[in-house]
């Protein structure tokens, strides 16, 4: 008692499903690698030191205080930052203009 599709419609629907799955997997991979790059750059290497230096400069605090601020507000909430980045990547690609064919998205 479901909707019966003609043969051509089934082929088009399968192509549509495949294209949607390919696009979703590509977005997921991009988001995953972006999170890894941000983790390595921001939380592990030089960018973390730059953030501490910026905190020292703009807030006029000692290095110990800047390191504690960096630890408490950046390192402790890394899951939140990563989630925001992944959501932002998905939102960007979902809202991006996508050319549409006559038959397949």
N, C-alpha and C. Protein backbone atom coordinates (compact mmCIF):
# COMPACT_ATOMS: atom_id res chain seq x y z
N UNK A 1 0.81 -1.18 0.00
CA UNK A 1 0.00 0.00 0.00
C UNK A 1 0.86 1.26 0.00
N UNK A 2 2.10 1.15 -0.40
CA UNK A 2 2.96 2.33 -0.47
C UNK A 2 2.82 3.00 -1.83
N UNK A 3 3.60 4.00 -2.01
CA UNK A 3 3.62 4.70 -3.29
C UNK A 3 4.41 3.87 -4.28
N UNK A 4 3.84 3.62 -5.43
CA UNK A 4 4.54 2.82 -6.44
C UNK A 4 5.17 3.79 -7.44
N UNK A 5 6.44 3.59 -7.67
CA UNK A 5 7.18 4.44 -8.60
C UNK A 5 7.41 3.69 -9.91
N UNK A 6 7.44 4.43 -10.97
CA UNK A 6 7.80 3.84 -12.25
C UNK A 6 9.29 3.56 -12.26
N UNK A 7 9.75 2.78 -13.21
CA UNK A 7 11.17 2.39 -13.28
C UNK A 7 12.07 3.62 -13.39
N UNK A 8 11.71 4.58 -14.25
CA UNK A 8 12.54 5.78 -14.41
C UNK A 8 12.59 6.59 -13.13
N UNK A 9 11.48 6.65 -12.41
CA UNK A 9 11.44 7.40 -11.17
C UNK A 9 12.29 6.72 -10.10
N UNK A 10 12.32 5.38 -10.10
CA UNK A 10 13.15 4.65 -9.14
C UNK A 10 14.64 4.94 -9.39
N UNK A 11 15.04 4.95 -10.64
CA UNK A 11 16.44 5.23 -10.99
C UNK A 11 16.79 6.65 -10.58
N UNK A 12 15.91 7.61 -10.87
CA UNK A 12 16.15 8.99 -10.49
C UNK A 12 16.23 9.13 -8.97
N UNK A 13 15.35 8.44 -8.26
CA UNK A 13 15.35 8.52 -6.81
C UNK A 13 16.61 7.92 -6.22
N UNK A 14 17.08 6.81 -6.75
CA UNK A 14 18.34 6.21 -6.28
C UNK A 14 19.51 7.14 -6.53
N UNK A 15 19.54 7.79 -7.69
CA UNK A 15 20.61 8.74 -7.98
C UNK A 15 20.53 9.93 -7.02
N UNK A 16 19.32 10.35 -6.74
CA UNK A 16 19.11 11.45 -5.79
C UNK A 16 19.62 11.06 -4.41
N UNK A 17 19.26 9.87 -3.94
CA UNK A 17 19.72 9.39 -2.64
C UNK A 17 21.25 9.31 -2.59
N UNK A 18 21.85 8.77 -3.64
CA UNK A 18 23.31 8.65 -3.69
C UNK A 18 23.97 10.02 -3.62
N UNK A 19 23.43 10.97 -4.36
CA UNK A 19 24.01 12.31 -4.39
C UNK A 19 23.89 12.99 -3.03
N UNK A 20 22.76 12.82 -2.36
CA UNK A 20 22.58 13.39 -1.03
C UNK A 20 23.55 12.74 -0.04
N UNK A 21 23.71 11.42 -0.11
CA UNK A 21 24.64 10.73 0.79
C UNK A 21 26.07 11.16 0.54
N UNK A 22 26.46 11.30 -0.72
CA UNK A 22 27.82 11.76 -1.04
C UNK A 22 28.05 13.15 -0.48
N UNK A 23 27.08 14.02 -0.63
CA UNK A 23 27.22 15.39 -0.13
C UNK A 23 27.32 15.40 1.39
N UNK A 24 26.49 14.61 2.07
CA UNK A 24 26.54 14.55 3.52
C UNK A 24 27.88 14.01 4.01
N UNK A 25 28.38 12.95 3.39
CA UNK A 25 29.68 12.40 3.79
C UNK A 25 30.82 13.39 3.55
N UNK A 26 30.77 14.11 2.45
CA UNK A 26 31.79 15.11 2.17
C UNK A 26 31.78 16.22 3.23
N UNK A 27 30.60 16.68 3.58
CA UNK A 27 30.49 17.72 4.60
C UNK A 27 30.99 17.20 5.95
N UNK A 28 30.65 15.97 6.29
CA UNK A 28 31.10 15.39 7.56
C UNK A 28 32.63 15.28 7.59
N UNK A 29 33.24 14.86 6.49
CA UNK A 29 34.71 14.77 6.45
C UNK A 29 35.36 16.14 6.55
N UNK A 30 34.81 17.12 5.86
CA UNK A 30 35.36 18.48 5.95
C UNK A 30 35.27 18.99 7.38
N UNK A 31 34.13 18.80 8.01
CA UNK A 31 33.95 19.25 9.39
C UNK A 31 34.92 18.53 10.33
N UNK A 32 35.08 17.23 10.14
CA UNK A 32 35.99 16.45 10.98
C UNK A 32 37.43 16.95 10.86
N UNK A 33 37.90 17.15 9.62
CA UNK A 33 39.27 17.60 9.44
C UNK A 33 39.46 19.04 9.90
N UNK A 34 38.44 19.87 9.77
CA UNK A 34 38.53 21.23 10.26
C UNK A 34 38.66 21.25 11.78
N UNK A 35 37.93 20.39 12.45
CA UNK A 35 38.02 20.31 13.90
C UNK A 35 39.41 19.83 14.32
N UNK A 36 39.95 18.86 13.61
CA UNK A 36 41.30 18.38 13.95
C UNK A 36 42.33 19.48 13.74
N UNK A 37 42.23 20.20 12.63
CA UNK A 37 43.16 21.30 12.36
C UNK A 37 43.05 22.36 13.45
N UNK A 38 41.83 22.73 13.81
CA UNK A 38 41.65 23.71 14.87
C UNK A 38 42.20 23.22 16.19
N UNK A 39 42.03 21.95 16.48
CA UNK A 39 42.56 21.40 17.73
C UNK A 39 44.08 21.48 17.75
N UNK A 40 44.69 21.10 16.66
CA UNK A 40 46.16 21.12 16.62
C UNK A 40 46.68 22.55 16.67
N UNK A 41 46.05 23.46 15.94
CA UNK A 41 46.54 24.83 15.90
C UNK A 41 46.20 25.62 17.15
N UNK A 42 44.96 25.57 17.58
CA UNK A 42 44.53 26.45 18.67
C UNK A 42 44.89 25.89 20.03
N UNK A 43 44.64 24.64 20.25
CA UNK A 43 44.81 24.11 21.59
C UNK A 43 46.17 23.47 21.84
N UNK A 44 46.96 23.28 20.82
CA UNK A 44 48.21 22.57 21.02
C UNK A 44 49.45 23.40 20.73
N UNK A 45 49.43 24.27 19.74
CA UNK A 45 50.67 24.87 19.30
C UNK A 45 50.66 26.39 19.42
N UNK A 46 51.19 27.05 18.43
CA UNK A 46 51.47 28.48 18.48
C UNK A 46 50.26 29.36 18.72
N UNK A 47 49.13 29.01 18.14
CA UNK A 47 47.96 29.86 18.27
C UNK A 47 47.54 29.95 19.73
N UNK A 48 47.71 28.88 20.48
CA UNK A 48 47.44 28.91 21.92
C UNK A 48 48.35 29.91 22.62
N UNK A 49 49.62 29.94 22.23
CA UNK A 49 50.54 30.92 22.80
C UNK A 49 50.15 32.34 22.40
N UNK A 50 49.68 32.51 21.16
CA UNK A 50 49.23 33.83 20.72
C UNK A 50 48.02 34.29 21.52
N UNK A 51 47.12 33.37 21.80
CA UNK A 51 45.94 33.73 22.60
C UNK A 51 46.37 34.18 23.99
N UNK A 52 47.32 33.47 24.58
CA UNK A 52 47.83 33.86 25.89
C UNK A 52 48.49 35.23 25.81
N UNK A 53 49.27 35.47 24.76
CA UNK A 53 49.90 36.78 24.60
C UNK A 53 48.86 37.89 24.43
N UNK A 54 47.81 37.61 23.66
CA UNK A 54 46.75 38.61 23.50
C UNK A 54 46.03 38.88 24.81
N UNK A 55 45.80 37.84 25.58
CA UNK A 55 45.18 38.04 26.89
C UNK A 55 46.06 38.90 27.79
N UNK A 56 47.37 38.63 27.77
CA UNK A 56 48.29 39.44 28.57
C UNK A 56 48.28 40.88 28.12
N UNK A 57 48.29 41.11 26.80
CA UNK A 57 48.39 42.47 26.27
C UNK A 57 47.12 43.27 26.52
N UNK A 58 45.97 42.70 26.15
CA UNK A 58 44.73 43.46 26.25
C UNK A 58 44.17 43.55 27.67
N UNK A 59 44.39 42.54 28.46
CA UNK A 59 43.86 42.56 29.82
C UNK A 59 44.89 43.05 30.83
N UNK A 60 46.12 43.22 30.37
CA UNK A 60 47.23 43.69 31.22
C UNK A 60 47.34 42.84 32.50
N UNK A 61 47.51 41.54 32.27
CA UNK A 61 47.66 40.61 33.38
C UNK A 61 48.97 39.86 33.22
N UNK A 62 49.37 39.19 34.26
CA UNK A 62 50.60 38.40 34.24
C UNK A 62 50.39 37.12 33.43
N UNK A 63 51.50 36.51 33.07
CA UNK A 63 51.44 35.30 32.25
C UNK A 63 50.72 34.16 32.95
N UNK A 64 50.94 34.02 34.25
CA UNK A 64 50.25 32.95 35.00
C UNK A 64 48.74 33.10 34.92
N UNK A 65 48.26 34.32 35.10
CA UNK A 65 46.81 34.56 35.03
C UNK A 65 46.28 34.31 33.61
N UNK A 66 47.04 34.75 32.61
CA UNK A 66 46.62 34.53 31.22
C UNK A 66 46.57 33.04 30.89
N UNK A 67 47.54 32.28 31.37
CA UNK A 67 47.54 30.84 31.16
C UNK A 67 46.34 30.18 31.83
N UNK A 68 46.02 30.64 33.05
CA UNK A 68 44.85 30.08 33.73
C UNK A 68 43.56 30.41 32.99
N UNK A 69 43.43 31.65 32.52
CA UNK A 69 42.25 32.03 31.74
C UNK A 69 42.14 31.19 30.47
N UNK A 70 43.26 31.03 29.78
CA UNK A 70 43.29 30.22 28.56
C UNK A 70 42.87 28.78 28.88
N UNK A 71 43.40 28.25 29.96
CA UNK A 71 43.08 26.87 30.33
C UNK A 71 41.60 26.73 30.67
N UNK A 72 41.10 27.63 31.51
CA UNK A 72 39.71 27.50 31.97
C UNK A 72 38.69 27.78 30.88
N UNK A 73 38.95 28.75 30.00
CA UNK A 73 37.92 29.16 29.04
C UNK A 73 38.12 28.61 27.64
N UNK A 74 39.30 28.12 27.32
CA UNK A 74 39.51 27.54 26.00
C UNK A 74 39.70 26.03 26.08
N UNK A 75 40.59 25.59 26.93
CA UNK A 75 40.90 24.16 27.00
C UNK A 75 39.78 23.36 27.66
N UNK A 76 39.15 23.92 28.67
CA UNK A 76 38.11 23.19 29.38
C UNK A 76 36.84 23.02 28.55
N UNK A 77 36.60 23.93 27.60
CA UNK A 77 35.38 23.88 26.80
C UNK A 77 35.67 23.51 25.36
N UNK A 78 36.69 22.68 25.13
CA UNK A 78 37.06 22.34 23.76
C UNK A 78 35.95 21.57 23.04
N UNK A 79 35.18 20.76 23.76
CA UNK A 79 34.09 20.04 23.13
C UNK A 79 33.04 21.00 22.58
N UNK A 80 32.80 22.07 23.32
CA UNK A 80 31.83 23.08 22.88
C UNK A 80 32.34 23.76 21.62
N UNK A 81 33.62 24.14 21.61
CA UNK A 81 34.20 24.77 20.43
C UNK A 81 34.12 23.83 19.22
N UNK A 82 34.44 22.57 19.41
CA UNK A 82 34.41 21.62 18.31
C UNK A 82 32.98 21.41 17.80
N UNK A 83 32.03 21.35 18.71
CA UNK A 83 30.64 21.20 18.29
C UNK A 83 30.17 22.41 17.50
N UNK A 84 30.55 23.59 17.95
CA UNK A 84 30.16 24.82 17.24
C UNK A 84 30.78 24.83 15.85
N UNK A 85 32.02 24.43 15.73
CA UNK A 85 32.68 24.40 14.42
C UNK A 85 31.97 23.41 13.49
N UNK A 86 31.65 22.22 13.98
CA UNK A 86 30.98 21.24 13.14
C UNK A 86 29.60 21.73 12.71
N UNK A 87 28.86 22.33 13.63
CA UNK A 87 27.54 22.86 13.28
C UNK A 87 27.68 23.99 12.26
N UNK A 88 28.68 24.84 12.45
CA UNK A 88 28.89 25.95 11.52
C UNK A 88 29.22 25.44 10.11
N UNK A 89 30.05 24.40 10.02
CA UNK A 89 30.39 23.84 8.70
C UNK A 89 29.16 23.24 8.04
N UNK A 90 28.37 22.49 8.81
CA UNK A 90 27.15 21.92 8.24
C UNK A 90 26.18 23.01 7.82
N UNK A 91 26.04 24.04 8.64
CA UNK A 91 25.13 25.14 8.30
C UNK A 91 25.60 25.88 7.06
N UNK A 92 26.91 26.11 6.95
CA UNK A 92 27.45 26.81 5.80
C UNK A 92 27.14 26.05 4.51
N UNK A 93 27.42 24.75 4.51
CA UNK A 93 27.18 23.97 3.30
C UNK A 93 25.70 23.74 3.04
N UNK A 94 24.90 23.68 4.09
CA UNK A 94 23.46 23.49 3.89
C UNK A 94 22.82 24.75 3.31
N UNK A 95 23.32 25.91 3.70
CA UNK A 95 22.74 27.16 3.23
C UNK A 95 23.40 27.68 1.95
N UNK A 96 24.49 27.05 1.55
CA UNK A 96 25.19 27.50 0.33
C UNK A 96 24.30 27.24 -0.89
N UNK A 97 24.47 28.11 -1.87
CA UNK A 97 23.70 27.94 -3.09
C UNK A 97 24.14 26.66 -3.80
N UNK A 98 23.19 25.82 -4.12
CA UNK A 98 23.47 24.53 -4.76
C UNK A 98 22.80 24.55 -6.13
N UNK A 99 23.59 24.32 -7.20
CA UNK A 99 22.94 24.26 -8.51
C UNK A 99 22.03 23.04 -8.60
N UNK A 100 20.88 23.23 -9.18
CA UNK A 100 19.89 22.16 -9.25
C UNK A 100 19.64 21.82 -10.70
N UNK A 101 19.75 20.52 -11.03
CA UNK A 101 19.42 20.04 -12.37
C UNK A 101 17.90 19.94 -12.50
N UNK A 102 17.48 19.55 -13.69
CA UNK A 102 16.05 19.32 -13.87
C UNK A 102 15.57 18.09 -13.12
N UNK A 103 16.45 17.09 -13.02
CA UNK A 103 16.01 15.81 -12.46
C UNK A 103 16.56 15.55 -11.06
N UNK A 104 17.84 15.85 -10.87
CA UNK A 104 18.51 15.44 -9.63
C UNK A 104 19.05 16.66 -8.93
N UNK A 105 18.95 16.68 -7.61
CA UNK A 105 19.47 17.76 -6.79
C UNK A 105 20.97 17.82 -6.93
